Amino acid sequence: MEAEQLNRVIIDALDDLKAVNTLTLDVTGLTDVMDYLVIASGTSNRHVRSLADKVCMEAKNRGVRPLGVEGENSAEWVLVDFGDVVVHVMLPATRDFYDLERLWVDPATPADAT
């Protein structure tokens, strides 16, 4: 599955479970490691875990398995790595603290909030 298609599957899965402030960053010009970075917030640890599980399940239903999943135990920040697309699902306080958007946004390219 192409990275763009996988990104759409991920966004739809996050939307299905009401992720908060979902943001997709096209980082193809910034790194060779991935094409898309998806950042979303959940309203509780359980919500964060459920969002990450839904992303994994929807991708698996389309024949794509994550290379790795980290942070499921505490569920303050769950990272799901699909290679070309990396997903970060966080509690709002964790997201504010680490501010990944600021680290990855190219000032010349606006972020795509979905």
C-alpha atoms as a PDB file:
ATOM      1  CA  MET A   1       0.000   0.000   0.000  1.00  0.00           C
ATOM      2  CA  GLU A   2       1.316   3.445  -0.904  1.00  0.00           C
ATOM      3  CA  ALA A   3       2.178   5.830   1.937  1.00  0.00           C
ATOM      4  CA  GLU A   4      -0.545   8.276   0.897  1.00  0.00           C
ATOM      5  CA  GLN A   5      -3.199   5.538   0.951  1.00  0.00           C
ATOM      6  CA  LEU A   6      -2.000   4.281   4.331  1.00  0.00           C
ATOM      7  CA  ASN A   7      -2.068   7.821   5.672  1.00  0.00           C
ATOM      8  CA  ARG A   8      -5.718   8.127   4.604  1.00  0.00           C
ATOM      9  CA  VAL A   9      -6.592   4.822   6.324  1.00  0.00           C
ATOM     10  CA  ILE A  10      -4.927   6.077   9.513  1.00  0.00           C
ATOM     11  CA  ILE A  11      -6.711   9.438   9.433  1.00  0.00           C
ATOM     12  CA  ASP A  12     -10.067   7.724   8.873  1.00  0.00           C
ATOM     13  CA  ALA A  13      -9.417   5.336  11.783  1.00  0.00           C
ATOM     14  CA  LEU A  14      -8.542   8.241  14.089  1.00  0.00           C
ATOM     15  CA  ASP A  15     -11.615  10.168  12.956  1.00  0.00           C
ATOM     16  CA  ASP A  16     -13.840   7.129  13.591  1.00  0.00           C
ATOM     17  CA  LEU A  17     -12.884   7.166  17.273  1.00  0.00           C
ATOM     18  CA  LYS A  18     -13.000  10.951  17.622  1.00  0.00           C
ATOM     19  CA  ALA A  19      -9.295  11.741  17.917  1.00  0.00           C
ATOM     20  CA  VAL A  20      -8.656  15.353  18.911  1.00  0.00           C
ATOM     21  CA  ASN A  21      -6.556  17.800  16.852  1.00  0.00           C
ATOM     22  CA  THR A  22      -5.326  15.301  14.288  1.00  0.00           C
ATOM     23  CA  LEU A  23      -2.472  16.696  12.239  1.00  0.00           C
ATOM     24  CA  THR A  24      -0.741  15.181   9.215  1.00  0.00           C
ATOM     25  CA  LEU A  25       2.697  16.441   8.276  1.00  0.00           C
ATOM     26  CA  ASP A  26       4.228  15.618   4.906  1.00  0.00           C
ATOM     27  CA  VAL A  27       7.896  15.286   5.856  1.00  0.00           C
ATOM     28  CA  THR A  28       9.220  13.878   2.575  1.00  0.00           C
ATOM     29  CA  GLY A  29      11.452  16.915   2.080  1.00  0.00           C
ATOM     30  CA  LEU A  30      12.722  16.844   5.667  1.00  0.00           C
ATOM     31  CA  THR A  31      13.756  13.197   6.136  1.00  0.00           C
ATOM     32  CA  ASP A  32      14.344   9.962   4.266  1.00  0.00           C
ATOM     33  CA  VAL A  33      13.000   7.931   7.181  1.00  0.00           C
ATOM     34  CA  MET A  34       9.278   8.515   6.566  1.00  0.00           C
ATOM     35  CA  ASP A  35       6.845  10.315   4.288  1.00  0.00           C
ATOM     36  CA  TYR A  36       4.093  11.243   6.733  1.00  0.00           C
ATOM     37  CA  LEU A  37       3.955  12.019  10.422  1.00  0.00           C
ATOM     38  CA  VAL A  38       0.514  11.848  12.015  1.00  0.00           C
ATOM     39  CA  ILE A  39      -0.049  13.399  15.436  1.00  0.00           C
ATOM     40  CA  ALA A  40      -3.339  13.115  17.321  1.00  0.00           C
ATOM     41  CA  SER A  41      -4.599  13.482  20.865  1.00  0.00           C
ATOM     42  CA  GLY A  42      -6.884  11.332  22.947  1.00  0.00           C
ATOM     43  CA  THR A  43      -8.947  12.492  25.896  1.00  0.00           C
ATOM     44  CA  SER A  44      -7.742   9.803  28.333  1.00  0.00           C
ATOM     45  CA  ASN A  45      -5.234   6.961  28.548  1.00  0.00           C
ATOM     46  CA  ARG A  46      -7.949   4.542  27.482  1.00  0.00           C
ATOM     47  CA  HIS A  47      -8.847   6.749  24.508  1.00  0.00           C
ATOM     48  CA  VAL A  48      -5.180   7.029  23.448  1.00  0.00           C
ATOM     49  CA  ARG A  49      -4.798   3.243  23.609  1.00  0.00           C
ATOM     50  CA  SER A  50      -8.054   2.699  21.702  1.00  0.00           C
ATOM     51  CA  LEU A  51      -7.005   5.128  18.971  1.00  0.00           C
ATOM     52  CA  ALA A  52      -3.676   3.361  18.485  1.00  0.00           C
ATOM     53  CA  ASP A  53      -5.406  -0.049  18.470  1.00  0.00           C
ATOM     54  CA  LYS A  54      -7.909   1.155  15.864  1.00  0.00           C
ATOM     55  CA  VAL A  55      -5.108   2.439  13.626  1.00  0.00           C
ATOM     56  CA  CYS A  56      -3.346  -0.935  13.846  1.00  0.00           C
ATOM     57  CA  MET A  57      -6.554  -2.879  13.227  1.00  0.00           C
ATOM     58  CA  GLU A  58      -7.602  -0.842  10.168  1.00  0.00           C
ATOM     59  CA  ALA A  59      -4.122  -1.087   8.646  1.00  0.00           C
ATOM     60  CA  LYS A  60      -4.009  -4.835   9.340  1.00  0.00           C
ATOM     61  CA  ASN A  61      -7.402  -5.211   7.613  1.00  0.00           C
ATOM     62  CA  ARG A  62      -5.707  -3.804   4.522  1.00  0.00           C
ATOM     63  CA  GLY A  63      -2.678  -6.071   4.766  1.00  0.00           C
ATOM     64  CA  VAL A  64      -0.311  -3.645   6.509  1.00  0.00           C
ATOM     65  CA  ARG A  65       1.234  -4.433   9.890  1.00  0.00           C
ATOM     66  CA  PRO A  66       3.141  -1.935  11.988  1.00  0.00           C
ATOM     67  CA  LEU A  67       6.901  -2.338  12.272  1.00  0.00           C
ATOM     68  CA  GLY A  68       6.552  -1.475  15.943  1.00  0.00           C
ATOM     69  CA  VAL A  69       4.226  -0.104  18.594  1.00  0.00           C
ATOM     70  CA  GLU A  70       5.518   1.557  21.751  1.00  0.00           C
ATOM     71  CA  GLY A  71       3.901   3.106  24.811  1.00  0.00           C
ATOM     72  CA  GLU A  72       0.746   1.014  25.052  1.00  0.00           C
ATOM     73  CA  ASN A  73       1.230   0.241  28.736  1.00  0.00           C
ATOM     74  CA  SER A  74       1.089   3.811  30.053  1.00  0.00           C
ATOM     75  CA  ALA A  75      -0.832   5.119  27.017  1.00  0.00           C
ATOM     76  CA  GLU A  76       0.273   8.706  27.595  1.00  0.00           C
ATOM     77  CA  TRP A  77       2.038   8.547  24.233  1.00  0.00           C
ATOM     78  CA  VAL A  78       1.650   5.636  21.847  1.00  0.00           C
ATOM     79  CA  LEU A  79       3.870   5.518  18.773  1.00  0.00           C
ATOM     80  CA  VAL A  80       2.847   3.311  15.850  1.00  0.00           C
ATOM     81  CA  ASP A  81       5.545   2.912  13.195  1.00  0.00           C
ATOM     82  CA  PHE A  82       4.474   1.802   9.723  1.00  0.00           C
ATOM     83  CA  GLY A  83       7.752   2.814   8.111  1.00  0.00           C
ATOM     84  CA  ASP A  84       6.552   5.401   5.597  1.00  0.00           C
ATOM     85  CA  VAL A  85       3.927   6.666   8.054  1.00  0.00           C
ATOM     86  CA  VAL A  86       4.590   7.182  11.757  1.00  0.00           C
ATOM     87  CA  VAL A  87       1.685   7.851  14.118  1.00  0.00           C
ATOM     88  CA  HIS A  88       1.920   9.554  17.517  1.00  0.00           C
ATOM     89  CA  VAL A  89      -1.199   9.437  19.699  1.00  0.00           C
ATOM     90  CA  MET A  90      -0.821  11.397  22.923  1.00  0.00           C
ATOM     91  CA  LEU A  91      -2.594  12.882  25.862  1.00  0.00           C
ATOM     92  CA  PRO A  92      -2.931  16.663  25.381  1.00  0.00           C
ATOM     93  CA  ALA A  93      -0.482  17.492  28.189  1.00  0.00           C
ATOM     94  CA  THR A  94       2.134  15.140  26.737  1.00  0.00           C
ATOM     95  CA  ARG A  95       1.606  16.588  23.279  1.00  0.00           C
ATOM     96  CA  ASP A  96       1.985  20.137  24.576  1.00  0.00           C
ATOM     97  CA  PHE A  97       5.138  19.238  26.485  1.00  0.00           C
ATOM     98  CA  TYR A  98       6.978  17.556  23.589  1.00  0.00           C
ATOM     99  CA  ASP A  99       5.552  19.856  20.868  1.00  0.00           C
ATOM    100  CA  LEU A 100       6.471  17.563  17.962  1.00  0.00           C
ATOM    101  CA  GLU A 101       4.688  19.843  15.514  1.00  0.00           C
ATOM    102  CA  ARG A 102       7.236  22.590  16.153  1.00  0.00           C
ATOM    103  CA  LEU A 103      10.126  20.187  15.552  1.00  0.00           C
ATOM    104  CA  TRP A 104       8.849  18.938  12.196  1.00  0.00           C
ATOM    105  CA  VAL A 105       7.052  21.833  10.568  1.00  0.00           C
ATOM    106  CA  ASP A 106       9.020  23.509   7.807  1.00  0.00           C
ATOM    107  CA  PRO A 107       8.276  27.242   8.185  1.00  0.00           C
ATOM    108  CA  ALA A 108       7.782  27.497   4.404  1.00  0.00           C
ATOM    109  CA  THR A 109       5.184  24.688   4.329  1.00  0.00           C
ATOM    110  CA  PRO A 110       1.903  24.931   6.281  1.00  0.00           C
ATOM    111  CA  ALA A 111       0.804  21.874   8.232  1.00  0.00           C
ATOM    112  CA  ASP A 112      -2.288  20.020   7.044  1.00  0.00           C
ATOM    113  CA  ALA A 113      -4.757  19.814   9.917  1.00  0.00           C
ATOM    114  CA  THR A 114      -7.305  17.095   9.252  1.00  0.00           C
END
